Amino acid sequence: MGLERAHLNLISPFSPLPIPKGSRDLNPKPEVGIDSVQLRTSAAMAAAFFSAASRRLLSTAAAAAAERAELPVPISELRRLARAGRLADIDAALAPHLPSHSVPALAALSLVGLHDRASALLGTIPSPTAAHLNSVLGPLLRRRRMAALVPSILEAHPSAPRDATTDSILARSLCLTTGADSALHLLREPSSGAGPSLHLFTTLIDSFYKQRQPHRAEELWRAMVQDHGIAPDTAAYNARISYKALNGTVEEVKELIRVIREEAGLQPDAASYNELMRAMARHGRVDEVVEVYRRLESGEAEAAPDCATYTRVVGALCGAGRWSEAEDVFYEGVKRRKVADLGTVRILVRGLKDAGKGRAARRVVVGLRKKFPAQFDGPWREQLEEAAGISASGKEEDDESGDEQAAAATEATA
């Protein structure tokens, strides 16, 4: 079923995508073969998106977000179809759900690299809301190259309502592409027409910290609190914590967490503790990293572990050469469906193999393949299989003698 049959009278997979008023047609119509060229162009863009992204993170979080939005079509299935260039099948899968799930459908298209189709679809909605617009824009912030598209998409939809979230997304895109200074005008003239929000201030403060300009960040913090009377939330404090985790001491990070809890009357979240663990790992205090992680896992802390938590802990243990402990924590994350950054997993796999634990290294990759068959694919799967010694056919290479030789070499070195 084509999208033109949907209740919202949306686009057909077999006709050219409509170009919203005010936008530039990036795919000028040829004399013949309009439909096939349109599909091939969008398919190429999707393929380029996946090639650039390289799928370093398993999309368990994205899948959970789609489930919370109640989109009946799994995001992993849409991603698979987008990678294969099967855009007509994507249209057919989404069409029955567009009348009641237009916002998550737009977000899903943008998330899988089809932002052009998401933008075109937005242009066909009779009375779009800010939520529709933000659902197209938000996923673009996942990649710097894609974030650069945010201003042009906003220009393509001048009549779509804006809100404080729209301002924050635009600010983040400008911060990522041209620096925080280029987004300061939004404090004076927000695109939504409202006053500057906490989220907008937090976005700019965080960007100045990331640009290693803490004095500029603190100036904005004072303006937010004193001039505008906006009380910072945990996310705003986390911008400070993140900077101190990379440039300060463990004690400074702990002090900021105390301020969140005792002076601001807020609760630290997983991001707060993840940055604390980052600071500890940076200073070689790996035992303390494990201690904080155990508090999160047991529920003693105010937050539960997330994917970044397992990236921090597994990375810290790998950096200390504590491969077996790193493997145990990795599996604890898999049980919770919280998988560490695949770059960190690659370090774990290589470390296990170099330490004479080839079978354990292969188990890590095979476990991901079995636990997340839809998400664990693409270049990172190939790299991890190669690192673990798993052949292209998916079979484990029999190198137990190699494991024994590596173990002996490691023992001799020690």
Protein backbone atom coordinates (compact mmCIF):
# COMPACT_ATOMS: atom_id res chain seq x y z
CA MET A 1 0.00 0.00 0.00
CA GLY A 2 1.41 3.39 -1.00
CA LEU A 3 1.55 6.29 1.35
CA GLU A 4 -0.94 8.19 -0.79
CA ARG A 5 -3.60 5.79 0.46
CA ALA A 6 -3.00 6.71 4.08
CA HIS A 7 -5.56 8.79 5.93
CA LEU A 8 -3.23 11.79 5.96
CA ASN A 9 -3.06 11.75 2.16
CA LEU A 10 0.72 11.35 2.24
CA ILE A 11 3.26 10.58 -0.42
CA SER A 12 3.38 7.48 -2.58
CA PRO A 13 6.49 5.31 -2.75
CA PHE A 14 6.07 5.23 -6.53
CA SER A 15 5.88 8.99 -7.10
CA PRO A 16 8.45 11.74 -6.59
CA LEU A 17 8.69 13.17 -3.12
CA PRO A 18 6.94 16.54 -2.79
CA ILE A 19 9.28 19.45 -2.23
CA PRO A 20 8.08 21.75 0.58
CA LYS A 21 7.51 25.36 -0.38
CA GLY A 22 10.66 27.41 0.02
CA SER A 23 13.04 24.43 -0.20
CA ARG A 24 15.47 23.59 -2.94
CA ASP A 25 14.87 20.48 -5.04
CA LEU A 26 18.10 18.53 -4.64
CA ASN A 27 16.93 15.95 -7.20
CA PRO A 28 15.91 17.84 -10.37
CA LYS A 29 13.47 15.85 -12.49
CA PRO A 30 15.00 14.03 -15.44
CA GLU A 31 13.13 13.59 -18.67
CA VAL A 32 12.44 9.91 -17.99
CA GLY A 33 12.62 7.49 -15.11
CA ILE A 34 11.62 9.96 -12.40
CA ASP A 35 10.46 7.33 -9.93
CA SER A 36 13.47 5.05 -10.20
CA VAL A 37 15.92 7.96 -9.98
CA GLN A 38 14.08 9.31 -6.92
CA LEU A 39 14.31 5.96 -5.17
CA ARG A 40 17.96 5.44 -6.11
CA THR A 41 18.89 8.92 -4.86
CA SER A 42 17.23 8.42 -1.47
CA ALA A 43 18.70 4.93 -1.23
CA ALA A 44 22.18 6.29 -1.92
CA MET A 45 21.73 8.92 0.80
CA ALA A 46 20.65 6.24 3.26
CA ALA A 47 23.63 4.07 2.33
CA ALA A 48 25.97 7.02 2.81
CA PHE A 49 24.44 7.70 6.21
CA PHE A 50 25.05 4.14 7.37
CA SER A 51 28.57 4.11 5.96
CA ALA A 52 29.43 7.29 7.84
CA ALA A 53 27.78 6.26 11.07
CA SER A 54 29.42 2.81 11.01
CA ARG A 55 26.97 1.74 13.71
CA ARG A 56 29.44 2.16 16.57
CA LEU A 57 26.55 1.96 19.05
CA LEU A 58 24.00 -0.82 18.99
CA SER A 59 20.64 0.89 18.64
CA THR A 60 19.06 -0.63 21.73
CA ALA A 61 18.30 2.86 23.03
CA ALA A 62 16.81 3.96 19.73
CA ALA A 63 14.66 0.84 19.64
CA ALA A 64 13.44 1.51 23.15
CA ALA A 65 12.56 5.08 22.20
CA ALA A 66 10.55 3.82 19.25
CA GLU A 67 8.74 1.37 21.49
CA ARG A 68 7.92 4.14 23.98
CA ALA A 69 6.48 6.13 21.08
CA GLU A 70 4.42 3.05 20.19
CA LEU A 71 5.49 2.89 16.57
CA PRO A 72 4.29 -0.58 15.55
CA VAL A 73 7.11 -1.06 13.02
CA PRO A 74 10.44 -2.03 14.65
CA ILE A 75 13.16 0.55 13.98
CA SER A 76 15.59 -2.28 13.22
CA GLU A 77 13.35 -3.42 10.35
CA LEU A 78 13.19 0.10 8.91
CA ARG A 79 16.96 0.35 9.19
CA ARG A 80 17.40 -2.93 7.35
CA LEU A 81 15.10 -1.82 4.55
CA ALA A 82 16.82 1.57 4.30
CA ARG A 83 20.23 -0.06 4.03
CA ALA A 84 18.95 -2.27 1.23
CA GLY A 85 17.42 0.73 -0.56
CA ARG A 86 13.92 -0.75 -0.31
CA LEU A 87 12.17 2.59 0.12
CA ALA A 88 8.85 1.41 -1.32
CA ASP A 89 8.74 -1.26 1.38
CA ILE A 90 9.40 1.39 4.04
CA ASP A 91 6.51 3.46 2.71
CA ALA A 92 4.24 0.42 2.71
CA ALA A 93 5.24 -0.50 6.26
CA LEU A 94 4.59 2.99 7.64
CA ALA A 95 1.47 3.92 5.66
CA PRO A 96 -1.12 2.11 7.84
CA HIS A 97 0.25 3.79 10.97
CA LEU A 98 0.61 7.37 9.78
CA PRO A 99 -2.83 8.62 10.86
CA SER A 100 -2.14 7.77 14.50
CA HIS A 101 1.66 7.63 14.64
CA SER A 102 2.84 10.47 12.41
CA VAL A 103 5.35 11.87 14.94
CA PRO A 104 7.24 8.60 15.60
CA ALA A 105 7.07 7.77 11.89
CA LEU A 106 8.82 11.04 11.04
CA ALA A 107 11.42 10.41 13.73
CA ALA A 108 12.01 6.87 12.44
CA LEU A 109 12.60 8.06 8.88
CA SER A 110 15.05 10.69 10.06
CA LEU A 111 16.75 8.23 12.41
CA VAL A 112 17.47 5.70 9.65
CA GLY A 113 19.03 8.33 7.39
CA LEU A 114 16.00 9.23 5.28
CA HIS A 115 15.73 12.82 6.46
CA ASP A 116 14.80 13.98 2.95
CA ARG A 117 11.72 11.77 2.96
CA ALA A 118 10.91 12.76 6.53
CA SER A 119 11.04 16.43 5.53
CA ALA A 120 8.87 15.82 2.48
CA LEU A 121 6.39 13.88 4.58
CA LEU A 122 6.25 16.72 7.09
CA GLY A 123 5.30 19.08 4.25
CA THR A 124 2.17 17.02 3.51
CA ILE A 125 0.74 17.12 7.03
CA PRO A 126 -2.17 19.59 7.04
CA SER A 127 -1.64 21.02 10.53
CA PRO A 128 1.84 20.09 11.78
CA THR A 129 2.85 20.76 15.35
CA ALA A 130 6.23 21.56 16.87
CA ALA A 131 6.45 17.89 17.84
CA HIS A 132 6.29 16.90 14.16
CA LEU A 133 9.06 19.34 13.25
CA ASN A 134 11.25 18.33 16.19
CA SER A 135 10.86 14.64 15.37
CA VAL A 136 12.49 15.28 12.00
CA LEU A 137 15.25 17.48 13.39
CA GLY A 138 16.23 15.72 16.62
CA PRO A 139 17.77 12.54 15.14
CA LEU A 140 20.04 14.64 12.91
CA LEU A 141 22.07 15.69 15.94
CA ARG A 142 23.51 12.18 16.20
CA ARG A 143 26.09 13.04 13.50
CA ARG A 144 27.87 16.35 12.92
CA ARG A 145 27.43 16.07 9.15
CA MET A 146 23.71 15.53 9.54
CA ALA A 147 23.39 18.31 12.13
CA ALA A 148 24.39 20.79 9.42
CA LEU A 149 21.05 20.06 7.71
CA VAL A 150 18.93 21.41 10.57
CA PRO A 151 18.88 25.08 9.45
CA SER A 152 17.93 24.20 5.86
CA ILE A 153 15.09 21.94 6.99
CA LEU A 154 13.78 24.71 9.23
CA GLU A 155 13.88 27.08 6.25
CA ALA A 156 11.97 24.53 4.19
CA HIS A 157 9.11 24.58 6.72
CA PRO A 158 8.64 28.25 7.67
CA SER A 159 5.01 27.78 8.74
CA ALA A 160 5.63 24.80 11.03
CA PRO A 161 5.27 25.82 14.71
CA ARG A 162 8.45 26.11 16.81
CA ASP A 163 8.91 25.68 20.53
CA ALA A 164 11.73 25.73 23.08
CA THR A 165 12.86 22.27 21.97
CA THR A 166 13.20 23.54 18.39
CA ASP A 167 15.44 26.36 19.61
CA SER A 168 17.61 23.89 21.50
CA ILE A 169 17.95 21.60 18.48
CA LEU A 170 18.90 24.52 16.24
CA ALA A 171 21.40 25.75 18.84
CA ARG A 172 22.97 22.31 19.14
CA SER A 173 23.29 22.01 15.37
CA LEU A 174 25.03 25.39 15.16
CA CYS A 175 27.29 24.53 18.09
CA LEU A 176 28.31 21.26 16.44
CA THR A 177 28.99 22.77 13.03
CA THR A 178 30.17 26.35 13.54
CA GLY A 179 30.70 26.80 17.28
CA ALA A 180 28.71 28.13 20.23
CA ASP A 181 29.20 31.80 19.30
CA SER A 182 27.10 31.28 16.17
CA ALA A 183 24.13 30.21 18.31
CA LEU A 184 24.20 33.02 20.88
CA HIS A 185 21.71 35.07 18.86
CA LEU A 186 19.03 32.54 19.79
CA LEU A 187 19.12 33.86 23.35
CA ARG A 188 17.99 37.24 22.02
CA GLU A 189 15.80 36.05 19.16
CA PRO A 190 14.59 32.48 19.68
CA SER A 191 12.98 31.01 16.57
CA SER A 192 10.01 30.00 18.72
CA GLY A 193 9.32 33.62 19.68
CA ALA A 194 9.44 32.72 23.38
CA GLY A 195 12.09 33.70 25.89
CA PRO A 196 15.30 31.68 26.25
CA SER A 197 14.70 28.36 27.97
CA LEU A 198 16.72 26.26 30.39
CA HIS A 199 17.42 23.75 27.62
CA LEU A 200 18.74 26.47 25.32
CA PHE A 201 21.06 27.81 28.02
CA THR A 202 22.22 24.27 28.85
CA THR A 203 23.01 23.57 25.20
CA LEU A 204 25.16 26.70 24.91
CA ILE A 205 26.86 26.22 28.28
CA ASP A 206 27.73 22.62 27.42
CA SER A 207 29.11 23.68 24.04
CA PHE A 208 31.39 26.34 25.54
CA TYR A 209 32.69 23.78 28.03
CA LYS A 210 33.39 21.36 25.17
CA GLN A 211 35.23 24.13 23.35
CA ARG A 212 37.41 24.52 26.47
CA GLN A 213 36.09 27.99 27.21
CA PRO A 214 34.90 27.52 30.81
CA HIS A 215 34.85 31.27 31.47
CA ARG A 216 32.30 31.76 28.69
CA ALA A 217 30.24 28.88 30.05
CA GLU A 218 30.25 30.37 33.55
CA GLU A 219 29.21 33.77 32.18
CA LEU A 220 26.17 32.15 30.61
CA TRP A 221 25.47 30.22 33.81
CA ARG A 222 25.34 33.48 35.79
CA ALA A 223 23.17 35.13 33.15
CA MET A 224 20.78 32.18 33.25
CA VAL A 225 20.45 32.18 37.04
CA GLN A 226 20.78 35.86 37.92
CA ASP A 227 19.42 37.72 34.90
CA HIS A 228 16.71 35.33 33.79
CA GLY A 229 15.89 33.63 37.09
CA ILE A 230 16.18 30.15 35.58
CA ALA A 231 17.13 27.42 38.04
CA PRO A 232 19.53 24.81 36.59
CA ASP A 233 18.46 21.18 36.50
CA THR A 234 20.56 18.01 36.67
CA ALA A 235 21.36 18.16 32.95
CA ALA A 236 22.77 21.67 33.36
CA TYR A 237 24.94 20.58 36.27
CA ASN A 238 26.09 17.61 34.21
CA ALA A 239 27.58 20.03 31.67
CA ARG A 240 29.83 21.31 34.47
CA ILE A 241 30.54 17.78 35.68
CA SER A 242 31.52 16.62 32.18
CA TYR A 243 34.06 19.42 31.89
CA LYS A 244 35.58 18.65 35.29
CA ALA A 245 35.70 14.93 34.48
CA LEU A 246 37.97 15.69 31.54
CA ASN A 247 39.93 18.60 32.96
CA GLY A 248 39.64 18.51 36.75
CA THR A 249 39.99 16.16 39.67
CA VAL A 250 37.82 13.38 41.03
CA GLU A 251 37.16 15.47 44.11
CA GLU A 252 35.84 18.36 42.02
CA VAL A 253 33.40 16.03 40.30
CA LYS A 254 32.28 14.59 43.63
CA GLU A 255 31.73 18.11 44.96
CA LEU A 256 29.47 18.98 42.04
CA ILE A 257 27.43 15.82 42.62
CA ARG A 258 27.09 16.85 46.26
CA VAL A 259 25.88 20.29 45.16
CA ILE A 260 23.24 18.68 42.93
CA ARG A 261 21.95 16.60 45.80
CA GLU A 262 22.31 18.84 48.83
CA GLU A 263 22.20 22.44 47.59
CA ALA A 264 20.05 22.23 44.46
CA GLY A 265 17.73 19.60 45.91
CA LEU A 266 18.00 17.49 42.75
CA GLN A 267 19.03 13.92 42.07
CA PRO A 268 22.19 12.99 40.15
CA ASP A 269 21.41 10.78 37.19
CA ALA A 270 23.31 8.08 35.30
CA ALA A 271 25.18 10.72 33.29
CA SER A 272 26.42 12.32 36.53
CA TYR A 273 27.88 9.04 37.76
CA ASN A 274 29.23 8.12 34.32
CA GLU A 275 31.28 11.29 34.32
CA LEU A 276 32.47 10.56 37.86
CA MET A 277 33.69 7.16 36.64
CA ARG A 278 35.36 8.83 33.66
CA ALA A 279 37.30 11.11 36.02
CA MET A 280 38.27 8.15 38.20
CA ALA A 281 39.47 6.14 35.20
CA ARG A 282 41.45 9.12 33.91
CA HIS A 283 43.31 9.23 37.24
CA GLY A 284 43.84 5.46 37.36
CA ARG A 285 41.38 4.85 40.21
CA VAL A 286 39.81 1.78 38.61
CA ASP A 287 38.74 0.11 41.86
CA GLU A 288 36.65 3.19 42.63
CA VAL A 289 35.09 2.98 39.17
CA VAL A 290 33.95 -0.56 39.95
CA GLU A 291 32.66 0.55 43.34
CA VAL A 292 30.50 3.30 41.80
CA TYR A 293 29.23 0.87 39.17
CA ARG A 294 28.23 -1.68 41.82
CA ARG A 295 26.27 1.03 43.65
CA LEU A 296 24.40 1.85 40.44
CA GLU A 297 23.76 -1.80 39.67
CA SER A 298 22.48 -2.61 43.15
CA GLY A 299 20.18 0.39 43.30
CA GLU A 300 22.06 2.14 46.10
CA ALA A 301 22.59 5.22 43.91
CA GLU A 302 19.80 7.40 42.54
CA ALA A 303 20.17 6.08 38.98
CA ALA A 304 20.43 2.82 37.07
CA PRO A 305 23.26 1.92 34.67
CA ASP A 306 22.83 2.85 31.00
CA CYS A 307 24.85 2.05 27.87
CA ALA A 308 27.39 4.76 28.66
CA THR A 309 27.87 3.25 32.11
CA TYR A 310 29.02 -0.03 30.63
CA THR A 311 31.26 1.80 28.17
CA ARG A 312 32.97 3.60 31.07
CA VAL A 313 33.39 0.52 33.27
CA VAL A 314 34.43 -1.94 30.56
CA GLY A 315 36.82 0.67 29.14
CA ALA A 316 38.39 1.36 32.54
CA LEU A 317 38.90 -2.35 33.25
CA CYS A 318 40.35 -2.94 29.79
CA GLY A 319 42.73 -0.02 30.28
CA ALA A 320 43.96 -1.69 33.47
CA GLY A 321 44.38 -5.06 31.75
CA ARG A 322 41.65 -6.64 33.90
CA TRP A 323 40.15 -8.56 31.00
CA SER A 324 38.11 -11.15 32.89
CA GLU A 325 36.44 -8.49 35.02
CA ALA A 326 35.75 -6.42 31.91
CA GLU A 327 34.17 -9.46 30.28
CA ASP A 328 31.94 -10.04 33.31
CA VAL A 329 30.72 -6.43 33.32
CA PHE A 330 30.12 -6.59 29.58
CA TYR A 331 27.83 -9.60 30.03
CA GLU A 332 26.01 -7.88 32.87
CA GLY A 333 25.24 -5.08 30.43
CA VAL A 334 24.08 -7.50 27.74
CA LYS A 335 21.63 -9.05 30.21
CA ARG A 336 20.17 -5.59 30.78
CA ARG A 337 20.23 -4.92 27.02
CA LYS A 338 22.72 -2.12 27.67
CA VAL A 339 25.70 -2.66 25.40
CA ALA A 340 28.94 -0.74 25.61
CA ASP A 341 30.21 1.33 22.70
CA LEU A 342 31.38 -1.14 20.06
CA GLY A 343 34.78 0.54 19.94
CA THR A 344 35.18 -0.42 23.59
CA VAL A 345 33.92 -3.93 22.81
CA ARG A 346 36.61 -4.22 20.14
CA ILE A 347 39.26 -3.32 22.72
CA LEU A 348 37.83 -6.02 24.98
CA VAL A 349 37.81 -8.64 22.21
CA ARG A 350 41.38 -7.89 21.15
CA GLY A 351 42.55 -7.81 24.75
CA LEU A 352 40.97 -11.17 25.54
CA LYS A 353 42.53 -12.74 22.47
CA ASP A 354 45.97 -11.27 23.13
CA ALA A 355 45.74 -12.55 26.72
CA GLY A 356 45.23 -16.09 25.47
CA LYS A 357 41.46 -16.06 25.90
CA GLY A 358 40.49 -16.54 22.28
CA ARG A 359 37.41 -18.58 23.12
CA ALA A 360 36.16 -15.85 25.45
CA ALA A 361 36.79 -13.25 22.73
CA ARG A 362 34.71 -15.22 20.25
CA ARG A 363 31.97 -15.71 22.85
CA VAL A 364 31.61 -11.94 23.17
CA VAL A 365 30.96 -11.49 19.45
CA VAL A 366 28.77 -14.56 19.07
CA GLY A 367 26.77 -13.41 22.09
CA LEU A 368 26.09 -10.02 20.50
CA ARG A 369 25.12 -11.71 17.27
CA LYS A 370 22.61 -13.94 19.02
CA LYS A 371 21.25 -11.38 21.48
CA PHE A 372 20.86 -8.52 18.99
CA PRO A 373 20.50 -10.14 15.54
CA ALA A 374 18.75 -7.12 13.99
CA GLN A 375 20.97 -4.40 15.46
CA PHE A 376 24.40 -6.06 15.34
CA ASP A 377 25.32 -5.76 11.69
CA GLY A 378 27.31 -3.62 9.30
CA PRO A 379 31.01 -2.67 9.41
CA TRP A 380 31.40 -2.99 13.18
CA ARG A 381 30.13 -6.58 13.16
CA GLU A 382 32.68 -7.41 10.47
CA GLN A 383 35.49 -5.75 12.43
CA LEU A 384 34.58 -7.53 15.65
CA GLU A 385 34.28 -10.91 13.94
CA GLU A 386 37.69 -10.40 12.39
CA ALA A 387 39.18 -9.34 15.73
CA ALA A 388 37.69 -12.40 17.43
CA GLY A 389 38.86 -14.81 14.73
CA ILE A 390 35.41 -15.65 13.40
CA SER A 391 35.33 -16.42 9.69
CA ALA A 392 33.02 -14.71 7.21
CA SER A 393 30.82 -17.82 7.23
CA GLY A 394 30.10 -17.20 10.89
CA LYS A 395 32.01 -20.23 12.13
CA GLU A 396 34.62 -19.95 14.84
CA GLU A 397 38.14 -20.65 13.74
CA ASP A 398 39.71 -23.53 15.62
CA ASP A 399 42.79 -21.94 17.14
CA GLU A 400 42.89 -23.42 20.64
CA SER A 401 46.55 -24.17 20.13
CA GLY A 402 47.02 -20.51 19.28
CA ASP A 403 45.26 -19.58 22.52
CA GLU A 404 47.65 -21.79 24.47
CA GLN A 405 50.68 -20.29 22.72
CA ALA A 406 49.42 -16.75 23.39
CA ALA A 407 48.78 -17.61 27.02
CA ALA A 408 52.27 -19.03 27.36
CA ALA A 409 53.76 -15.92 25.76
CA THR A 410 51.77 -13.67 28.08
CA GLU A 411 52.85 -15.68 31.10
CA ALA A 412 56.49 -15.58 30.00
CA THR A 413 56.30 -11.81 29.53
CA ALA A 414 54.84 -11.42 33.01
